[in-house]
Protein backbone atom coordinates (compact mmCIF):
# COMPACT_ATOMS: atom_id res chain seq x y z
CA MET A 1 37.47 70.48 17.10
CA THR A 2 38.57 67.40 19.06
CA THR A 3 36.67 65.85 21.97
CA MET A 4 36.71 62.53 23.82
CA ALA A 5 34.20 59.70 23.48
CA ASN A 6 34.70 56.29 25.08
CA GLY A 7 38.27 57.32 25.81
CA VAL A 8 38.93 57.89 22.10
CA PRO A 9 39.84 61.32 20.72
CA VAL A 10 37.27 62.23 18.07
CA GLN A 11 37.55 64.96 15.49
CA VAL A 12 34.12 66.59 15.34
CA PRO A 13 33.24 68.23 12.02
CA THR A 14 32.64 71.95 12.28
CA PRO A 15 29.50 73.09 10.42
CA ALA A 16 30.38 75.30 7.49
CA SER A 17 28.78 78.68 7.02
CA THR A 18 26.26 78.70 4.17
CA GLY A 19 26.47 82.41 3.56
CA THR A 20 22.73 82.61 2.84
CA THR A 21 20.78 85.83 3.25
CA GLY A 22 17.15 86.85 3.51
CA ALA A 23 14.44 84.46 4.68
CA ALA A 24 16.70 81.40 4.57
CA ALA A 25 19.26 83.05 6.85
CA ALA A 26 16.54 84.10 9.30
CA GLN A 27 15.57 80.48 10.02
CA PRO A 28 17.06 79.29 13.33
CA PRO A 29 19.14 76.10 13.24
CA PRO A 30 17.59 72.91 14.67
CA PRO A 31 18.15 72.61 18.45
CA ASN A 32 20.58 70.16 20.02
CA ARG A 33 22.44 69.47 16.82
CA VAL A 34 24.08 66.05 16.69
CA ALA A 35 27.50 66.60 15.17
CA LEU A 36 28.65 62.95 14.98
CA VAL A 37 27.39 59.38 15.40
CA MET A 38 29.91 56.91 16.83
CA VAL A 39 29.19 53.23 16.09
CA PRO A 40 31.19 50.23 17.41
CA SER A 41 32.16 47.79 14.67
CA SER A 42 30.48 44.81 16.38
CA ALA A 43 27.16 46.65 16.62
CA LEU A 44 27.42 47.68 12.97
CA GLN A 45 28.00 44.06 11.99
CA GLY A 46 24.86 43.06 13.89
CA TYR A 47 22.92 45.82 12.11
CA MET A 48 24.10 44.53 8.73
CA ILE A 49 23.14 40.95 9.59
CA HIS A 50 19.65 42.08 10.56
CA ALA A 51 19.27 44.28 7.46
CA THR A 52 20.25 41.46 5.10
CA THR A 53 17.78 38.91 6.48
CA THR A 54 15.24 39.91 3.84
CA ALA A 55 15.35 41.59 0.45
CA HIS A 56 11.59 42.11 0.27
CA GLU A 57 10.63 44.16 3.34
CA GLU A 58 12.25 46.73 5.57
CA VAL A 59 13.46 45.67 9.01
CA MET A 60 13.72 47.97 12.00
CA GLY A 61 15.02 48.42 15.51
CA LEU A 62 16.01 50.96 18.12
CA ILE A 63 19.42 52.38 19.00
CA LEU A 64 20.69 52.28 22.57
CA GLY A 65 23.54 54.41 23.86
CA ASP A 66 23.99 57.92 25.17
CA TRP A 67 24.62 61.48 24.07
CA ILE A 68 27.92 63.15 24.86
CA ASP A 69 27.73 66.92 25.13
CA ILE A 70 30.39 68.82 23.23
CA PRO A 71 31.82 71.68 25.31
CA PRO A 72 31.06 75.03 23.63
CA THR A 73 34.04 76.97 22.33
CA SER A 74 32.24 80.29 21.93
CA MET A 75 29.06 82.14 22.89
CA GLU A 76 27.64 81.27 19.48
CA ASP A 77 28.11 77.55 20.21
CA THR A 78 26.27 77.97 23.50
CA ALA A 79 23.16 79.10 21.62
CA THR A 80 23.14 75.89 19.54
CA PRO A 81 24.35 73.02 21.76
CA GLU A 82 25.93 70.05 20.03
CA SER A 83 26.23 66.40 21.01
CA ILE A 84 27.84 63.16 19.90
CA ALA A 85 25.52 60.16 19.62
CA ASP A 86 27.51 57.33 21.21
CA VAL A 87 25.94 54.02 20.12
CA MET A 88 26.22 51.01 22.44
CA CYS A 89 24.06 48.47 20.62
CA PHE A 90 20.97 47.97 18.51
CA LEU A 91 17.70 46.52 19.78
CA VAL A 92 15.79 44.43 17.22
CA GLN A 93 12.08 45.23 17.03
CA ARG A 94 9.21 43.08 15.79
CA ARG A 95 7.51 44.63 12.78
CA LEU A 96 3.82 45.42 13.11
CA ASP A 97 3.42 45.33 9.35
CA LYS A 98 5.74 43.99 6.66
CA ARG A 99 6.13 46.43 3.78
CA PRO A 100 8.84 46.96 1.16
CA ASP A 101 8.82 50.74 1.56
CA ARG A 102 8.13 51.59 5.22
CA VAL A 103 8.11 50.44 8.85
CA GLU A 104 6.04 51.56 11.81
CA LEU A 105 7.31 52.35 15.29
CA ALA A 106 4.76 51.90 18.07
CA PRO A 107 4.90 53.90 21.33
CA GLU A 108 4.84 50.61 23.27
CA GLN A 109 8.11 49.59 21.62
CA LEU A 110 9.78 52.79 22.79
CA ILE A 111 8.55 52.21 26.34
CA GLU A 112 9.86 48.63 26.40
CA ALA A 113 13.18 49.73 24.90
CA ALA A 114 13.53 52.45 27.55
CA ALA A 115 13.03 49.80 30.26
CA HIS A 116 15.66 47.62 28.60
CA ALA A 117 18.05 50.58 28.50
CA GLU A 118 17.57 51.11 32.23
CA GLN A 119 18.50 47.46 32.87
CA LEU A 120 21.65 47.90 30.79
CA SER A 121 22.51 51.01 32.80
CA VAL A 122 22.44 48.92 35.97
CA THR A 123 24.46 46.00 34.56
CA THR A 124 27.08 48.10 32.74
CA GLY A 125 27.38 51.00 35.15
CA LYS A 126 26.97 53.42 32.26
CA ARG A 127 24.01 55.61 31.41
CA VAL A 128 22.11 53.96 28.56
CA ARG A 129 19.14 55.53 26.81
CA VAL A 130 17.14 55.12 23.63
CA ILE A 131 18.90 57.57 21.33
CA GLY A 132 17.48 56.68 17.93
CA TRP A 133 15.97 54.18 15.53
CA TYR A 134 17.25 52.24 12.53
CA HIS A 135 15.78 50.45 9.53
CA SER A 136 16.79 49.03 6.17
CA HIS A 137 16.20 50.04 2.57
CA PRO A 138 16.23 46.84 0.50
CA ASN A 139 16.73 47.31 -3.26
CA ILE A 140 16.60 51.12 -3.07
CA THR A 141 18.95 53.98 -2.31
CA VAL A 142 19.93 54.98 1.22
CA GLN A 143 18.32 58.44 1.15
CA PRO A 144 15.48 58.87 3.67
CA SER A 145 11.99 58.90 2.15
CA HIS A 146 9.31 61.44 3.04
CA VAL A 147 7.86 58.81 5.40
CA ASP A 148 11.27 58.44 7.11
CA VAL A 149 11.56 62.21 7.46
CA GLY A 150 8.10 62.37 9.04
CA THR A 151 8.83 59.52 11.45
CA GLN A 152 12.12 61.13 12.46
CA ARG A 153 10.45 64.49 12.98
CA THR A 154 7.91 62.89 15.35
CA GLN A 155 10.67 61.24 17.41
CA GLN A 156 12.61 64.51 17.66
CA LEU A 157 9.61 66.07 19.41
CA MET A 158 10.56 63.95 22.45
CA ASP A 159 14.27 64.77 22.24
CA GLY A 160 15.90 66.98 19.64
CA ARG A 161 18.99 64.75 19.67
CA PHE A 162 17.11 61.63 18.51
CA ILE A 163 18.84 60.15 15.42
CA GLY A 164 17.93 57.83 12.57
CA LEU A 165 20.10 55.29 10.74
CA ILE A 166 19.33 53.71 7.37
CA MET A 167 21.24 50.89 5.68
CA SER A 168 20.67 50.29 1.98
CA VAL A 169 21.07 46.60 1.08
CA PHE A 170 20.65 44.48 -2.06
CA HIS A 171 20.94 47.62 -4.16
CA SER A 172 22.98 47.21 -7.34
CA ASP A 173 25.07 49.84 -9.03
CA HIS A 174 23.74 50.20 -12.58
CA SER A 175 27.19 50.72 -14.10
CA THR A 176 28.98 47.80 -12.42
CA HIS A 177 25.98 45.62 -11.44
CA ALA A 178 27.67 45.11 -8.09
CA GLN A 179 25.63 45.13 -4.92
CA GLN A 180 26.41 47.89 -2.47
CA GLN A 181 25.65 48.43 1.20
CA ARG A 182 25.43 52.04 2.26
CA LEU A 183 24.76 53.65 5.63
CA ILE A 184 23.44 57.08 6.51
CA ALA A 185 22.74 58.83 9.80
CA PHE A 186 20.25 61.68 9.73
CA GLN A 187 17.90 64.00 11.53
CA THR A 188 14.99 66.05 10.29
CA ASN A 189 15.22 69.78 9.78
CA ASN A 190 11.79 70.78 11.05
CA MET A 191 12.02 74.21 9.43
CA VAL A 192 12.04 72.92 5.87
CA ASN A 193 10.89 69.31 6.45
CA THR A 194 13.94 67.67 4.95
CA PHE A 195 16.73 65.45 6.28
CA LEU A 196 20.12 66.49 7.60
CA PRO A 197 22.92 63.92 7.12
CA ILE A 198 25.21 63.36 10.11
CA PRO A 199 28.84 62.13 9.87
CA ILE A 200 29.45 58.57 11.13
CA SER A 201 32.59 57.30 12.85
CA VAL A 202 33.02 53.50 13.15
CA TYR A 203 35.59 52.25 15.64
CA TYR A 204 36.78 48.71 16.37
CA ASP A 205 35.16 47.10 19.36
CA PRO A 206 35.10 43.39 20.36
CA ILE A 207 31.62 41.94 20.41
CA SER A 208 29.89 43.01 23.61
CA PRO A 209 27.19 41.13 25.58
CA PRO A 210 24.45 43.55 24.38
CA THR A 211 25.48 43.02 20.74
CA ALA A 212 25.66 39.24 21.26
CA ALA A 213 22.11 39.40 22.67
CA MET A 214 21.03 41.42 19.63
CA LEU A 215 22.43 38.80 17.24
CA ALA A 216 20.64 36.04 19.12
CA SER A 217 17.36 37.98 19.00
CA VAL A 218 17.33 38.31 15.19
CA PRO A 219 16.08 34.75 14.40
CA ARG A 220 13.72 34.82 17.38
CA THR A 221 12.18 38.08 16.19
CA LEU A 222 11.77 36.84 12.62
CA TYR A 223 10.16 33.65 13.88
CA GLY A 224 7.83 35.66 16.12
CA GLU A 225 6.75 37.71 13.10
CA LEU A 226 5.93 34.52 11.21
CA VAL A 227 3.87 33.27 14.14
CA ASP A 228 1.99 36.60 14.28
CA GLU A 229 1.30 36.43 10.56
CA HIS A 230 0.10 32.83 10.88
CA ASP A 231 -2.24 33.74 13.74
CA ARG A 232 -3.72 36.63 11.74
CA LEU A 233 -4.41 34.34 8.79
CA VAL A 234 -6.04 31.74 10.99
CA GLY A 235 -8.06 34.38 12.81
CA ALA A 236 -9.31 35.72 9.49
CA GLY A 237 -10.53 32.29 8.50
CA THR A 238 -7.80 31.77 5.91
CA ALA A 239 -6.47 28.29 5.38
CA ALA A 240 -3.50 27.94 7.68
CA VAL A 241 -0.08 27.06 6.35
CA CYS A 242 2.17 25.10 8.64
CA LEU A 243 5.25 27.17 9.30
CA PHE A 244 8.55 25.54 10.11
CA PHE A 245 11.59 27.32 11.46
């Protein structure tokens, strides 16, 4: 099926029938299925720059954009509405805790991001909302962990269309020893507590003011995290180390 997003005709994948029977077939599909994630090339480049700033801990941020409803083609489609997640830009977030295997998303960050999205709506004349979150997987595969699945499930309680993006960086292929960067979009299937991959469409887009602001915020955010870490060490009575940026 073809629909329009940002004036571009997009071929939306049609979900294939699984042919399952019994208890598995009786489970209802997740509501508000997101059929496709559209990402501008400039925003994706900013995401990659942020993800490759460290090979030791995961980085994170929020996704701003909007959902585009796909017109139903049958009564069956009406029962399970579908949308396209149209990404405008990424919003870098300061990490509350630096870990190699997980990141935490505070409610306050979502509130601040929603306020930022409202400002962008005014300046751009387009509806902008917080539509998802992103993070990196340094030195490991791109598949969502059980922690990622749980975090995504919690966010989908607010809106069933909320999406997650993961970029795997600094991960080497064992056969070629070449580093690979991989990207996955996903949601959580609440019925079986596992992830559902979503197709991604990347289209060329000149760098926009929101993406330029995101790129400028990367070093500021990293520096702010260093300052926070320094203040915690000093507050705990640990010998302070002078940090230079």
